[in-house]
Each structure stands twice: as C-alpha cells, then as structure tokens.
Amino acid sequence: MTDPQIPPPVTPRQSDGWLEPGPQNAMAIYILYLVGFIIGITAIVGIVMAYLNRGKAGGFVESHYTWQIRTFWIALLASFVSALLFIIGIGFLLMLAVAVWVIVRVIKGLMALQKNEPIANPQSWWI
C-alpha cells in the first residue's frame, strides 16, 4: 500500500522540440515571422524566442538565430522609416519593399535550415 500523503513522482514534461534550442525551434521562429504579417504579435514572440535560444543550440543553428534577430530589427527600423515617409507618399512603396525583403530572408533561412546548412553571412543587411 502507498501512503496517501506522498505525492506520486513527477515526470519531466515531454515536448516535441519546438521550444528547445535547435532546428525545430528556428523553423518555428521563421514561421512566426511569416504569420506576423497577419497577426503582428507573433513576430515579437519569434524575436523573444530567438534571443532566449541564441547561444544554446550550437552548430549551424546559431547562424539562423543571428539571421532571425537581425531580420527583425532591420525590418522594424525600415518599417519605422517607411511610416515616416508616408507623409511624402513613398512610404507605401518602401513598406512593400520591406515586406518582400523579410519574406525573401525568411524563405532563404528556411531553405538553408531544411538542408541543415548555416546562413552564409548572418550579419548581412541584405539578402
């Protein structure tokens, strides 16, 4: 018989790997960035996840976290500038260019991640 006062042993929580540093987590961040075009808060969740997991994954995934963090901040800066330029009428075109730039960077990152390759130059401002 067991003592009713002693709780059963706690088993560690099993996860599917999306929250732990590694390729699945990096893929989730890329997806969050894409969904961010529809639901803006997901991009913020993605940047938080990238910062939390950078330095923990090791290997080729580290370049993806750097790429994701830079993509977020550069896109935010360019979006702010384009919002200011709405006054003179070219902000819409710049905002469209920023959206295309983000999509291309995310697709490039996803393709490299699927091949288990690092981003060639994660510090780049361009594509």
C-alpha atoms as a PDB file:
ATOM      1  CA  MET A   1       0.000   0.000   0.000  1.00  0.00           C
ATOM      2  CA  THR A   2       1.077   3.522  -0.588  1.00  0.00           C
ATOM      3  CA  ASP A   3       0.888   6.395   1.807  1.00  0.00           C
ATOM      4  CA  PRO A   4      -1.837   8.855   0.661  1.00  0.00           C
ATOM      5  CA  GLN A   5       0.279  11.779   1.905  1.00  0.00           C
ATOM      6  CA  ILE A   6       3.164  11.112  -0.511  1.00  0.00           C
ATOM      7  CA  PRO A   7       2.543  12.538  -3.970  1.00  0.00           C
ATOM      8  CA  PRO A   8       3.441  10.420  -6.993  1.00  0.00           C
ATOM      9  CA  PRO A   9       6.843  11.130  -8.576  1.00  0.00           C
ATOM     10  CA  VAL A  10       6.862  13.997 -11.034  1.00  0.00           C
ATOM     11  CA  THR A  11       7.874  13.063 -14.540  1.00  0.00           C
ATOM     12  CA  PRO A  12       9.569  15.734 -16.643  1.00  0.00           C
ATOM     13  CA  ARG A  13       7.410  17.400 -19.220  1.00  0.00           C
ATOM     14  CA  GLN A  14       7.797  15.914 -22.669  1.00  0.00           C
ATOM     15  CA  SER A  15       7.907  18.418 -25.512  1.00  0.00           C
ATOM     16  CA  ASP A  16       8.105  17.998 -29.236  1.00  0.00           C
ATOM     17  CA  GLY A  17      11.201  20.184 -29.520  1.00  0.00           C
ATOM     18  CA  TRP A  18       9.643  23.409 -30.749  1.00  0.00           C
ATOM     19  CA  LEU A  19      10.636  25.336 -27.649  1.00  0.00           C
ATOM     20  CA  GLU A  20      14.080  23.856 -27.171  1.00  0.00           C
ATOM     21  CA  PRO A  21      17.101  25.321 -28.984  1.00  0.00           C
ATOM     22  CA  GLY A  22      17.709  23.671 -32.320  1.00  0.00           C
ATOM     23  CA  PRO A  23      16.442  23.354 -35.877  1.00  0.00           C
ATOM     24  CA  GLN A  24      12.781  22.865 -34.958  1.00  0.00           C
ATOM     25  CA  ASN A  25      12.824  25.988 -32.821  1.00  0.00           C
ATOM     26  CA  ALA A  26      14.486  28.014 -35.580  1.00  0.00           C
ATOM     27  CA  MET A  27      11.836  26.796 -38.015  1.00  0.00           C
ATOM     28  CA  ALA A  28       9.101  27.833 -35.589  1.00  0.00           C
ATOM     29  CA  ILE A  29      10.615  31.326 -35.420  1.00  0.00           C
ATOM     30  CA  TYR A  30      10.664  31.628 -39.209  1.00  0.00           C
ATOM     31  CA  ILE A  31       7.009  30.588 -39.292  1.00  0.00           C
ATOM     32  CA  LEU A  32       6.159  33.096 -36.565  1.00  0.00           C
ATOM     33  CA  TYR A  33       7.770  35.832 -38.656  1.00  0.00           C
ATOM     34  CA  LEU A  34       5.622  34.914 -41.656  1.00  0.00           C
ATOM     35  CA  VAL A  35       2.466  34.753 -39.557  1.00  0.00           C
ATOM     36  CA  GLY A  36       3.479  38.164 -38.206  1.00  0.00           C
ATOM     37  CA  PHE A  37       2.232  39.709 -41.450  1.00  0.00           C
ATOM     38  CA  ILE A  38      -1.284  38.701 -40.396  1.00  0.00           C
ATOM     39  CA  ILE A  39      -1.004  38.683 -36.600  1.00  0.00           C
ATOM     40  CA  GLY A  40       1.736  41.135 -35.651  1.00  0.00           C
ATOM     41  CA  ILE A  41       2.376  39.831 -32.145  1.00  0.00           C
ATOM     42  CA  THR A  42       3.820  36.558 -33.449  1.00  0.00           C
ATOM     43  CA  ALA A  43       6.901  38.349 -34.767  1.00  0.00           C
ATOM     44  CA  ILE A  44       7.526  39.659 -31.261  1.00  0.00           C
ATOM     45  CA  VAL A  45       7.151  36.143 -29.873  1.00  0.00           C
ATOM     46  CA  GLY A  46       9.632  34.992 -32.521  1.00  0.00           C
ATOM     47  CA  ILE A  47      12.275  37.572 -31.600  1.00  0.00           C
ATOM     48  CA  VAL A  48      11.944  36.684 -27.910  1.00  0.00           C
ATOM     49  CA  MET A  49      12.395  33.000 -28.723  1.00  0.00           C
ATOM     50  CA  ALA A  50      15.437  33.780 -30.877  1.00  0.00           C
ATOM     51  CA  TYR A  51      17.069  35.788 -28.097  1.00  0.00           C
ATOM     52  CA  LEU A  52      16.305  33.116 -25.488  1.00  0.00           C
ATOM     53  CA  ASN A  53      17.794  30.310 -27.573  1.00  0.00           C
ATOM     54  CA  ARG A  54      20.769  32.064 -29.156  1.00  0.00           C
ATOM     55  CA  GLY A  55      23.982  30.658 -27.738  1.00  0.00           C
ATOM     56  CA  LYS A  56      22.351  27.422 -26.586  1.00  0.00           C
ATOM     57  CA  ALA A  57      21.905  25.444 -29.787  1.00  0.00           C
ATOM     58  CA  GLY A  58      25.427  25.339 -31.153  1.00  0.00           C
ATOM     59  CA  GLY A  59      26.374  24.308 -34.651  1.00  0.00           C
ATOM     60  CA  PHE A  60      24.770  25.679 -37.765  1.00  0.00           C
ATOM     61  CA  VAL A  61      21.595  26.785 -35.962  1.00  0.00           C
ATOM     62  CA  GLU A  62      23.423  29.666 -34.262  1.00  0.00           C
ATOM     63  CA  SER A  63      23.750  31.450 -37.598  1.00  0.00           C
ATOM     64  CA  HIS A  64      19.983  31.134 -38.063  1.00  0.00           C
ATOM     65  CA  TYR A  65      19.274  32.792 -34.705  1.00  0.00           C
ATOM     66  CA  THR A  66      21.589  35.678 -35.606  1.00  0.00           C
ATOM     67  CA  TRP A  67      19.913  35.958 -39.024  1.00  0.00           C
ATOM     68  CA  GLN A  68      16.450  35.985 -37.427  1.00  0.00           C
ATOM     69  CA  ILE A  69      17.354  38.616 -34.853  1.00  0.00           C
ATOM     70  CA  ARG A  70      18.885  40.895 -37.479  1.00  0.00           C
ATOM     71  CA  THR A  71      15.917  40.363 -39.794  1.00  0.00           C
ATOM     72  CA  PHE A  72      13.538  41.526 -37.072  1.00  0.00           C
ATOM     73  CA  TRP A  73      15.451  44.656 -36.061  1.00  0.00           C
ATOM     74  CA  ILE A  74      16.325  45.780 -39.588  1.00  0.00           C
ATOM     75  CA  ALA A  75      12.713  45.272 -40.685  1.00  0.00           C
ATOM     76  CA  LEU A  76      11.467  47.234 -37.674  1.00  0.00           C
ATOM     77  CA  LEU A  77      13.837  50.110 -38.456  1.00  0.00           C
ATOM     78  CA  ALA A  78      12.907  50.132 -42.152  1.00  0.00           C
ATOM     79  CA  SER A  79       9.198  49.978 -41.285  1.00  0.00           C
ATOM     80  CA  PHE A  80       9.585  52.983 -39.000  1.00  0.00           C
ATOM     81  CA  VAL A  81      11.346  54.949 -41.745  1.00  0.00           C
ATOM     82  CA  SER A  82       8.696  53.981 -44.283  1.00  0.00           C
ATOM     83  CA  ALA A  83       5.948  55.035 -41.863  1.00  0.00           C
ATOM     84  CA  LEU A  84       7.592  58.457 -41.640  1.00  0.00           C
ATOM     85  CA  LEU A  85       7.798  58.606 -45.426  1.00  0.00           C
ATOM     86  CA  PHE A  86       4.057  58.035 -45.807  1.00  0.00           C
ATOM     87  CA  ILE A  87       3.827  61.828 -45.441  1.00  0.00           C
ATOM     88  CA  ILE A  88       5.509  62.394 -48.798  1.00  0.00           C
ATOM     89  CA  GLY A  89       3.854  59.441 -50.476  1.00  0.00           C
ATOM     90  CA  ILE A  90       6.690  56.954 -50.934  1.00  0.00           C
ATOM     91  CA  GLY A  91       6.220  55.182 -47.635  1.00  0.00           C
ATOM     92  CA  PHE A  92       3.832  52.655 -49.138  1.00  0.00           C
ATOM     93  CA  LEU A  93       6.402  51.550 -51.714  1.00  0.00           C
ATOM     94  CA  LEU A  94       9.111  51.283 -49.092  1.00  0.00           C
ATOM     95  CA  MET A  95       6.814  49.293 -46.791  1.00  0.00           C
ATOM     96  CA  LEU A  96       6.087  46.912 -49.658  1.00  0.00           C
ATOM     97  CA  ALA A  97       9.833  46.545 -50.275  1.00  0.00           C
ATOM     98  CA  VAL A  98      10.402  45.781 -46.575  1.00  0.00           C
ATOM     99  CA  ALA A  99       7.716  43.074 -46.673  1.00  0.00           C
ATOM    100  CA  VAL A 100       9.304  41.463 -49.730  1.00  0.00           C
ATOM    101  CA  TRP A 101      12.753  41.704 -48.105  1.00  0.00           C
ATOM    102  CA  VAL A 102      11.517  39.936 -44.955  1.00  0.00           C
ATOM    103  CA  ILE A 103       9.771  37.207 -46.944  1.00  0.00           C
ATOM    104  CA  VAL A 104      12.886  36.556 -49.027  1.00  0.00           C
ATOM    105  CA  ARG A 105      15.107  36.387 -45.929  1.00  0.00           C
ATOM    106  CA  VAL A 106      12.706  34.014 -44.186  1.00  0.00           C
ATOM    107  CA  ILE A 107      12.474  31.752 -47.237  1.00  0.00           C
ATOM    108  CA  LYS A 108      16.264  31.779 -47.625  1.00  0.00           C
ATOM    109  CA  GLY A 109      16.606  30.852 -43.946  1.00  0.00           C
ATOM    110  CA  LEU A 110      14.032  28.078 -44.202  1.00  0.00           C
ATOM    111  CA  MET A 111      15.736  26.614 -47.257  1.00  0.00           C
ATOM    112  CA  ALA A 112      19.119  26.590 -45.524  1.00  0.00           C
ATOM    113  CA  LEU A 113      17.581  25.128 -42.379  1.00  0.00           C
ATOM    114  CA  GLN A 114      15.966  22.303 -44.352  1.00  0.00           C
ATOM    115  CA  LYS A 115      19.389  21.441 -45.786  1.00  0.00           C
ATOM    116  CA  ASN A 116      20.992  21.621 -42.317  1.00  0.00           C
ATOM    117  CA  GLU A 117      23.244  24.425 -43.529  1.00  0.00           C
ATOM    118  CA  PRO A 118      24.246  27.642 -41.764  1.00  0.00           C
ATOM    119  CA  ILE A 119      23.430  31.065 -43.148  1.00  0.00           C
ATOM    120  CA  ALA A 120      26.487  32.100 -45.173  1.00  0.00           C
ATOM    121  CA  ASN A 121      26.666  35.653 -43.785  1.00  0.00           C
ATOM    122  CA  PRO A 122      24.232  36.076 -40.873  1.00  0.00           C
ATOM    123  CA  GLN A 123      25.486  39.617 -40.175  1.00  0.00           C
ATOM    124  CA  SER A 124      24.376  40.826 -43.597  1.00  0.00           C
ATOM    125  CA  TRP A 125      21.872  43.629 -44.049  1.00  0.00           C
ATOM    126  CA  TRP A 126      20.938  42.359 -47.481  1.00  0.00           C
ATOM    127  CA  ILE A 127      19.590  39.029 -48.664  1.00  0.00           C
END
